[in-house]
Amino acid sequence: MTTKDQTVITVAATVNAPIDIIWKAWNDPSHITKWSAASDDWHTTKAENDLRTGGKFNSRMEAKDGSFGFDFGGVYDEVIPYELMRYTLGDGRKVKITFEKNADGVKITESFEAEGQNPIEMQRNGWQAIMDSFKRYVESARQL
C-alpha cells in the first residue's frame, strides 16, 4: 500500500488456527466484541459488519470506566474472503489487511495510514496490542 505524503504503519501476528476460524473471529460482530481492545481497561461494546465490497463496518470502543469512547468504522473497498480486505476509515485513511497461510498458521498483516494527532509509535503499539489480543482470543478459544 503506497500513499502520497502519508506515513503507513504495519503490524502483524501469526495465529495458530485454521483460516476459516480466523476469518470468522476477525469478522463476526459476536467475536469482535470479545477481542477488539488494546488494553484491559478498554472494550468494544458494539460491533456491526457488512463484510462485502461497499459494505460498512463500525465498532464502538470505550474505556471501561466510561471516561472516553469512539466509533471505529468505515467502508470496505475490497474483500477477498480468507485473503484480503481493504477499507477506508471514516476519516479517509486507508487500511489493508492480508491473511497468508503458512506452516505456523495464518500470518495477518495490517497496514494503515497514520493519523496526525498521536505519535506514530503510540499508534503502532495500539494496533499491535489489538492484533495480539486477537491472537490470544483465537488461540485460547475452545470453540469458535
N, C-alpha and C. Protein backbone atom coordinates (compact mmCIF):
# COMPACT_ATOMS: atom_id res chain seq x y z
N MET A 1 0.86 -1.17 0.00
CA MET A 1 0.00 0.00 0.00
C MET A 1 0.90 1.23 0.00
N THR A 2 0.77 2.05 -0.99
CA THR A 2 1.54 3.28 -1.05
C THR A 2 0.58 4.46 -1.08
N THR A 3 0.93 5.46 -0.32
CA THR A 3 0.10 6.65 -0.29
C THR A 3 1.02 7.86 -0.33
N LYS A 4 0.60 8.88 -0.98
CA LYS A 4 1.39 10.08 -1.13
C LYS A 4 1.40 10.88 0.18
N ASP A 5 2.60 11.21 0.65
CA ASP A 5 2.77 12.05 1.84
C ASP A 5 2.03 11.52 3.06
N GLN A 6 1.93 10.21 3.18
CA GLN A 6 1.22 9.61 4.31
C GLN A 6 2.10 8.52 4.91
N THR A 7 2.28 8.57 6.22
CA THR A 7 3.04 7.52 6.90
C THR A 7 2.16 6.27 7.01
N VAL A 8 2.71 5.13 6.60
CA VAL A 8 2.00 3.86 6.69
C VAL A 8 2.66 3.03 7.78
N ILE A 9 1.85 2.53 8.70
CA ILE A 9 2.31 1.70 9.80
C ILE A 9 1.84 0.27 9.55
N THR A 10 2.70 -0.69 9.84
CA THR A 10 2.35 -2.10 9.65
C THR A 10 2.52 -2.86 10.96
N VAL A 11 1.52 -3.67 11.28
CA VAL A 11 1.58 -4.58 12.42
C VAL A 11 1.24 -5.98 11.90
N ALA A 12 1.67 -7.01 12.63
CA ALA A 12 1.41 -8.37 12.16
C ALA A 12 1.44 -9.35 13.33
N ALA A 13 0.84 -10.50 13.09
CA ALA A 13 0.89 -11.62 14.03
C ALA A 13 0.59 -12.89 13.25
N THR A 14 1.20 -13.98 13.69
CA THR A 14 0.87 -15.29 13.13
C THR A 14 0.00 -16.00 14.15
N VAL A 15 -1.17 -16.41 13.71
CA VAL A 15 -2.17 -17.03 14.58
C VAL A 15 -2.22 -18.52 14.25
N ASN A 16 -2.06 -19.34 15.27
CA ASN A 16 -2.05 -20.79 15.09
C ASN A 16 -3.48 -21.32 15.14
N ALA A 17 -4.15 -21.23 13.99
CA ALA A 17 -5.53 -21.71 13.84
C ALA A 17 -5.85 -21.80 12.35
N PRO A 18 -6.87 -22.56 12.00
CA PRO A 18 -7.27 -22.64 10.59
C PRO A 18 -7.82 -21.30 10.09
N ILE A 19 -7.65 -21.04 8.81
CA ILE A 19 -8.07 -19.77 8.22
C ILE A 19 -9.57 -19.53 8.39
N ASP A 20 -10.40 -20.57 8.30
CA ASP A 20 -11.85 -20.34 8.43
C ASP A 20 -12.21 -19.85 9.84
N ILE A 21 -11.53 -20.36 10.86
CA ILE A 21 -11.76 -19.91 12.24
C ILE A 21 -11.28 -18.47 12.39
N ILE A 22 -10.12 -18.18 11.87
CA ILE A 22 -9.56 -16.83 11.94
C ILE A 22 -10.46 -15.83 11.25
N TRP A 23 -10.91 -16.15 10.05
CA TRP A 23 -11.77 -15.24 9.28
C TRP A 23 -13.06 -14.96 10.05
N LYS A 24 -13.66 -16.00 10.61
CA LYS A 24 -14.90 -15.84 11.36
C LYS A 24 -14.68 -14.96 12.59
N ALA A 25 -13.63 -15.24 13.36
CA ALA A 25 -13.36 -14.47 14.57
C ALA A 25 -13.04 -13.01 14.25
N TRP A 26 -12.36 -12.77 13.14
CA TRP A 26 -11.97 -11.41 12.75
C TRP A 26 -13.19 -10.59 12.33
N ASN A 27 -14.19 -11.24 11.74
CA ASN A 27 -15.28 -10.51 11.08
C ASN A 27 -16.66 -10.62 11.73
N ASP A 28 -16.90 -11.60 12.56
CA ASP A 28 -18.21 -11.79 13.17
C ASP A 28 -18.36 -10.85 14.37
N PRO A 29 -19.36 -9.95 14.36
CA PRO A 29 -19.52 -9.00 15.46
C PRO A 29 -19.57 -9.64 16.85
N SER A 30 -20.12 -10.86 16.95
CA SER A 30 -20.18 -11.51 18.26
C SER A 30 -18.79 -11.88 18.78
N HIS A 31 -17.83 -12.02 17.88
CA HIS A 31 -16.44 -12.28 18.27
C HIS A 31 -15.65 -10.97 18.42
N ILE A 32 -15.89 -10.02 17.54
CA ILE A 32 -15.16 -8.75 17.58
C ILE A 32 -15.26 -8.11 18.96
N THR A 33 -16.42 -8.16 19.56
CA THR A 33 -16.60 -7.53 20.87
C THR A 33 -15.83 -8.25 21.98
N LYS A 34 -15.34 -9.43 21.70
CA LYS A 34 -14.60 -10.19 22.72
C LYS A 34 -13.08 -9.98 22.64
N TRP A 35 -12.56 -9.50 21.52
CA TRP A 35 -11.11 -9.36 21.39
C TRP A 35 -10.62 -7.97 21.02
N SER A 36 -11.50 -7.12 20.52
CA SER A 36 -11.05 -5.83 19.97
C SER A 36 -10.84 -4.78 21.06
N ALA A 37 -9.67 -4.84 21.69
CA ALA A 37 -9.28 -3.85 22.70
C ALA A 37 -7.77 -3.84 22.79
N ALA A 38 -7.22 -2.65 22.99
CA ALA A 38 -5.77 -2.51 23.07
C ALA A 38 -5.24 -2.77 24.47
N SER A 39 -6.12 -2.72 25.47
CA SER A 39 -5.69 -2.97 26.86
C SER A 39 -6.89 -3.44 27.68
N ASP A 40 -6.62 -3.95 28.86
CA ASP A 40 -7.68 -4.50 29.71
C ASP A 40 -8.67 -3.45 30.21
N ASP A 41 -8.30 -2.17 30.16
CA ASP A 41 -9.22 -1.13 30.63
C ASP A 41 -10.09 -0.55 29.51
N TRP A 42 -10.04 -1.17 28.32
CA TRP A 42 -10.89 -0.80 27.19
C TRP A 42 -11.69 -2.02 26.75
N HIS A 43 -12.79 -1.76 26.05
CA HIS A 43 -13.57 -2.84 25.45
C HIS A 43 -14.36 -2.30 24.27
N THR A 44 -14.80 -3.23 23.44
CA THR A 44 -15.67 -2.89 22.31
C THR A 44 -17.07 -3.31 22.72
N THR A 45 -17.95 -2.33 22.85
CA THR A 45 -19.28 -2.59 23.38
C THR A 45 -20.28 -3.02 22.31
N LYS A 46 -19.99 -2.67 21.05
CA LYS A 46 -20.91 -3.00 19.97
C LYS A 46 -20.13 -3.07 18.67
N ALA A 47 -20.49 -4.01 17.81
CA ALA A 47 -19.84 -4.13 16.50
C ALA A 47 -20.89 -4.47 15.45
N GLU A 48 -20.73 -3.87 14.29
CA GLU A 48 -21.57 -4.16 13.12
C GLU A 48 -20.63 -4.36 11.95
N ASN A 49 -20.94 -5.32 11.06
CA ASN A 49 -20.04 -5.61 9.97
C ASN A 49 -20.79 -6.16 8.76
N ASP A 50 -20.82 -5.39 7.69
CA ASP A 50 -21.39 -5.81 6.42
C ASP A 50 -20.21 -6.14 5.51
N LEU A 51 -19.71 -7.37 5.62
CA LEU A 51 -18.45 -7.77 5.00
C LEU A 51 -18.61 -8.06 3.52
N ARG A 52 -18.51 -7.00 2.73
CA ARG A 52 -18.56 -7.08 1.27
C ARG A 52 -18.02 -5.77 0.72
N THR A 53 -17.54 -5.80 -0.49
CA THR A 53 -17.09 -4.57 -1.13
C THR A 53 -18.25 -3.58 -1.14
N GLY A 54 -18.01 -2.40 -0.60
CA GLY A 54 -19.06 -1.38 -0.47
C GLY A 54 -19.80 -1.45 0.85
N GLY A 55 -19.60 -2.52 1.61
CA GLY A 55 -20.26 -2.68 2.91
C GLY A 55 -19.60 -1.81 3.98
N LYS A 56 -20.37 -1.50 5.00
CA LYS A 56 -19.88 -0.66 6.09
C LYS A 56 -19.65 -1.50 7.34
N PHE A 57 -18.74 -1.01 8.18
CA PHE A 57 -18.49 -1.64 9.48
C PHE A 57 -18.35 -0.54 10.53
N ASN A 58 -18.64 -0.88 11.76
CA ASN A 58 -18.47 0.06 12.86
C ASN A 58 -18.33 -0.70 14.16
N SER A 59 -17.39 -0.28 14.98
CA SER A 59 -17.22 -0.83 16.32
C SER A 59 -17.19 0.34 17.30
N ARG A 60 -17.89 0.20 18.40
CA ARG A 60 -17.87 1.22 19.46
C ARG A 60 -16.83 0.80 20.50
N MET A 61 -15.78 1.59 20.63
CA MET A 61 -14.70 1.28 21.58
C MET A 61 -14.80 2.29 22.73
N GLU A 62 -14.74 1.76 23.96
CA GLU A 62 -14.90 2.63 25.12
C GLU A 62 -13.96 2.21 26.25
N ALA A 63 -13.54 3.21 27.02
CA ALA A 63 -12.82 2.93 28.26
C ALA A 63 -13.84 2.31 29.21
N LYS A 64 -13.43 1.28 29.95
CA LYS A 64 -14.37 0.59 30.84
C LYS A 64 -14.88 1.49 31.95
N ASP A 65 -14.13 2.53 32.31
CA ASP A 65 -14.60 3.45 33.35
C ASP A 65 -15.54 4.52 32.81
N GLY A 66 -15.85 4.46 31.50
CA GLY A 66 -16.78 5.39 30.89
C GLY A 66 -16.22 6.77 30.58
N SER A 67 -14.93 6.97 30.77
CA SER A 67 -14.33 8.30 30.61
C SER A 67 -14.16 8.73 29.15
N PHE A 68 -14.13 7.77 28.23
CA PHE A 68 -13.90 8.11 26.83
C PHE A 68 -14.38 6.98 25.95
N GLY A 69 -14.78 7.31 24.73
CA GLY A 69 -15.17 6.30 23.76
C GLY A 69 -15.17 6.89 22.37
N PHE A 70 -15.14 6.02 21.37
CA PHE A 70 -15.17 6.49 19.99
C PHE A 70 -15.68 5.37 19.09
N ASP A 71 -16.17 5.76 17.92
CA ASP A 71 -16.58 4.80 16.90
C ASP A 71 -15.43 4.60 15.94
N PHE A 72 -15.15 3.33 15.61
CA PHE A 72 -14.13 2.96 14.64
C PHE A 72 -14.88 2.32 13.49
N GLY A 73 -14.92 3.00 12.36
CA GLY A 73 -15.70 2.46 11.25
C GLY A 73 -15.24 2.96 9.91
N GLY A 74 -15.83 2.37 8.88
CA GLY A 74 -15.50 2.75 7.53
C GLY A 74 -16.26 1.92 6.52
N VAL A 75 -15.74 1.91 5.29
CA VAL A 75 -16.36 1.22 4.17
C VAL A 75 -15.33 0.33 3.50
N TYR A 76 -15.72 -0.91 3.20
CA TYR A 76 -14.83 -1.84 2.51
C TYR A 76 -14.65 -1.45 1.05
N ASP A 77 -13.40 -1.34 0.63
CA ASP A 77 -13.07 -1.07 -0.77
C ASP A 77 -12.89 -2.35 -1.55
N GLU A 78 -12.44 -3.41 -0.85
CA GLU A 78 -12.21 -4.70 -1.50
C GLU A 78 -12.21 -5.78 -0.43
N VAL A 79 -12.91 -6.88 -0.72
CA VAL A 79 -12.91 -8.04 0.17
C VAL A 79 -12.71 -9.29 -0.67
N ILE A 80 -11.64 -10.01 -0.38
CA ILE A 80 -11.39 -11.32 -0.97
C ILE A 80 -11.38 -12.29 0.21
N PRO A 81 -12.47 -13.06 0.39
CA PRO A 81 -12.58 -13.92 1.57
C PRO A 81 -11.33 -14.77 1.81
N TYR A 82 -10.93 -14.81 3.07
CA TYR A 82 -9.80 -15.60 3.55
C TYR A 82 -8.43 -15.11 3.05
N GLU A 83 -8.39 -13.96 2.36
CA GLU A 83 -7.13 -13.48 1.80
C GLU A 83 -6.84 -12.01 2.07
N LEU A 84 -7.81 -11.13 1.80
CA LEU A 84 -7.51 -9.70 1.77
C LEU A 84 -8.75 -8.87 2.07
N MET A 85 -8.53 -7.77 2.77
CA MET A 85 -9.55 -6.74 2.84
C MET A 85 -8.85 -5.38 2.81
N ARG A 86 -9.47 -4.47 2.11
CA ARG A 86 -9.02 -3.08 2.08
C ARG A 86 -10.23 -2.24 2.45
N TYR A 87 -9.99 -1.23 3.28
CA TYR A 87 -11.10 -0.35 3.61
C TYR A 87 -10.63 1.06 3.82
N THR A 88 -11.59 1.98 3.78
CA THR A 88 -11.35 3.39 4.05
C THR A 88 -12.07 3.74 5.33
N LEU A 89 -11.31 4.26 6.28
CA LEU A 89 -11.88 4.67 7.56
C LEU A 89 -12.73 5.93 7.39
N GLY A 90 -13.54 6.23 8.37
CA GLY A 90 -14.41 7.40 8.32
C GLY A 90 -13.68 8.71 8.10
N ASP A 91 -12.40 8.77 8.53
CA ASP A 91 -11.61 10.00 8.35
C ASP A 91 -10.82 10.00 7.04
N GLY A 92 -11.04 8.98 6.17
CA GLY A 92 -10.40 8.94 4.86
C GLY A 92 -9.12 8.14 4.78
N ARG A 93 -8.60 7.68 5.92
CA ARG A 93 -7.37 6.88 5.90
C ARG A 93 -7.64 5.49 5.35
N LYS A 94 -6.62 4.92 4.70
CA LYS A 94 -6.73 3.60 4.08
C LYS A 94 -6.09 2.53 4.96
N VAL A 95 -6.68 1.33 4.92
CA VAL A 95 -6.17 0.18 5.65
C VAL A 95 -6.18 -1.03 4.71
N LYS A 96 -5.12 -1.84 4.81
CA LYS A 96 -5.03 -3.09 4.04
C LYS A 96 -4.68 -4.21 5.02
N ILE A 97 -5.42 -5.32 4.94
CA ILE A 97 -5.17 -6.48 5.79
C ILE A 97 -5.04 -7.70 4.90
N THR A 98 -3.95 -8.46 5.10
CA THR A 98 -3.78 -9.70 4.36
C THR A 98 -3.75 -10.87 5.33
N PHE A 99 -4.23 -12.00 4.86
CA PHE A 99 -4.26 -13.25 5.61
C PHE A 99 -3.49 -14.27 4.77
N GLU A 100 -2.35 -14.72 5.27
CA GLU A 100 -1.47 -15.59 4.49
C GLU A 100 -1.18 -16.88 5.26
N LYS A 101 -1.64 -18.00 4.71
CA LYS A 101 -1.39 -19.30 5.34
C LYS A 101 0.09 -19.62 5.27
N ASN A 102 0.60 -20.20 6.39
CA ASN A 102 1.99 -20.66 6.41
C ASN A 102 2.08 -21.87 7.34
N ALA A 103 3.27 -22.39 7.55
CA ALA A 103 3.45 -23.61 8.34
C ALA A 103 3.02 -23.45 9.80
N ASP A 104 3.01 -22.21 10.30
CA ASP A 104 2.67 -21.96 11.70
C ASP A 104 1.22 -21.53 11.92
N GLY A 105 0.45 -21.42 10.85
CA GLY A 105 -0.94 -20.98 10.96
C GLY A 105 -1.25 -19.98 9.87
N VAL A 106 -1.67 -18.78 10.28
CA VAL A 106 -2.00 -17.73 9.33
C VAL A 106 -1.35 -16.44 9.80
N LYS A 107 -0.55 -15.84 8.91
CA LYS A 107 0.03 -14.54 9.23
C LYS A 107 -0.94 -13.46 8.79
N ILE A 108 -1.32 -12.63 9.74
CA ILE A 108 -2.20 -11.49 9.47
C ILE A 108 -1.31 -10.25 9.48
N THR A 109 -1.34 -9.51 8.39
CA THR A 109 -0.56 -8.28 8.28
C THR A 109 -1.53 -7.13 8.01
N GLU A 110 -1.43 -6.11 8.84
CA GLU A 110 -2.34 -4.97 8.76
C GLU A 110 -1.51 -3.70 8.58
N SER A 111 -1.74 -3.00 7.47
CA SER A 111 -1.04 -1.74 7.18
C SER A 111 -2.08 -0.63 7.14
N PHE A 112 -1.78 0.47 7.83
CA PHE A 112 -2.75 1.56 7.89
C PHE A 112 -2.04 2.91 7.83
N GLU A 113 -2.74 3.88 7.26
CA GLU A 113 -2.23 5.23 7.22
C GLU A 113 -2.36 5.84 8.61
N ALA A 114 -1.28 6.43 9.08
CA ALA A 114 -1.28 7.04 10.40
C ALA A 114 -2.16 8.28 10.42
N GLU A 115 -2.73 8.55 11.59
CA GLU A 115 -3.45 9.81 11.77
C GLU A 115 -2.47 10.83 12.34
N GLY A 116 -2.83 12.08 12.33
CA GLY A 116 -1.89 13.14 12.69
C GLY A 116 -1.94 13.61 14.13
N GLN A 117 -2.78 13.02 14.97
CA GLN A 117 -2.94 13.53 16.33
C GLN A 117 -2.06 12.82 17.36
N ASN A 118 -1.73 11.56 17.13
CA ASN A 118 -0.97 10.79 18.10
C ASN A 118 0.37 10.36 17.51
N PRO A 119 1.40 10.18 18.36
CA PRO A 119 2.70 9.75 17.86
C PRO A 119 2.61 8.41 17.12
N ILE A 120 3.46 8.26 16.12
CA ILE A 120 3.49 7.04 15.30
C ILE A 120 3.65 5.80 16.18
N GLU A 121 4.58 5.84 17.13
CA GLU A 121 4.84 4.68 17.98
C GLU A 121 3.62 4.31 18.81
N MET A 122 2.88 5.31 19.28
CA MET A 122 1.66 5.05 20.05
C MET A 122 0.62 4.36 19.18
N GLN A 123 0.49 4.82 17.95
CA GLN A 123 -0.46 4.20 17.03
C GLN A 123 -0.06 2.75 16.74
N ARG A 124 1.22 2.55 16.43
CA ARG A 124 1.72 1.20 16.15
C ARG A 124 1.46 0.29 17.35
N ASN A 125 1.81 0.75 18.53
CA ASN A 125 1.63 -0.06 19.74
C ASN A 125 0.17 -0.39 19.99
N GLY A 126 -0.73 0.56 19.77
CA GLY A 126 -2.16 0.32 19.98
C GLY A 126 -2.72 -0.70 19.02
N TRP A 127 -2.39 -0.55 17.73
CA TRP A 127 -2.89 -1.51 16.74
C TRP A 127 -2.27 -2.88 16.95
N GLN A 128 -0.98 -2.92 17.34
CA GLN A 128 -0.34 -4.21 17.60
C GLN A 128 -0.97 -4.87 18.83
N ALA A 129 -1.31 -4.09 19.83
CA ALA A 129 -1.95 -4.65 21.02
C ALA A 129 -3.29 -5.28 20.68
N ILE A 130 -4.04 -4.66 19.79
CA ILE A 130 -5.33 -5.24 19.36
C ILE A 130 -5.07 -6.52 18.57
N MET A 131 -4.06 -6.52 17.70
CA MET A 131 -3.70 -7.72 16.94
C MET A 131 -3.31 -8.84 17.91
N ASP A 132 -2.52 -8.51 18.92
CA ASP A 132 -2.10 -9.52 19.90
C ASP A 132 -3.28 -10.04 20.69
N SER A 133 -4.25 -9.17 20.99
CA SER A 133 -5.46 -9.59 21.68
C SER A 133 -6.25 -10.58 20.82
N PHE A 134 -6.32 -10.30 19.52
CA PHE A 134 -6.99 -11.22 18.60
C PHE A 134 -6.30 -12.58 18.61
N LYS A 135 -4.98 -12.60 18.53
CA LYS A 135 -4.22 -13.84 18.53
C LYS A 135 -4.51 -14.64 19.80
N ARG A 136 -4.46 -13.99 20.96
CA ARG A 136 -4.74 -14.68 22.23
C ARG A 136 -6.16 -15.23 22.25
N TYR A 137 -7.11 -14.43 21.77
CA TYR A 137 -8.52 -14.85 21.76
C TYR A 137 -8.70 -16.11 20.92
N VAL A 138 -8.20 -16.09 19.71
CA VAL A 138 -8.39 -17.23 18.79
C VAL A 138 -7.65 -18.47 19.31
N GLU A 139 -6.42 -18.30 19.74
CA GLU A 139 -5.63 -19.45 20.15
C GLU A 139 -6.10 -20.05 21.48
N SER A 140 -6.81 -19.28 22.29
CA SER A 140 -7.29 -19.81 23.57
C SER A 140 -8.75 -20.25 23.52
N ALA A 141 -9.45 -19.91 22.46
CA ALA A 141 -10.87 -20.26 22.35
C ALA A 141 -11.03 -21.76 22.12
N ARG A 142 -11.93 -22.35 22.84
CA ARG A 142 -12.16 -23.78 22.64
C ARG A 142 -13.09 -24.04 21.48
N GLN A 143 -14.01 -23.14 21.27
CA GLN A 143 -14.94 -23.29 20.14
C GLN A 143 -15.23 -21.93 19.54
N LEU A 144 -15.01 -21.83 18.25
CA LEU A 144 -15.35 -20.59 17.53
C LEU A 144 -16.30 -20.92 16.42
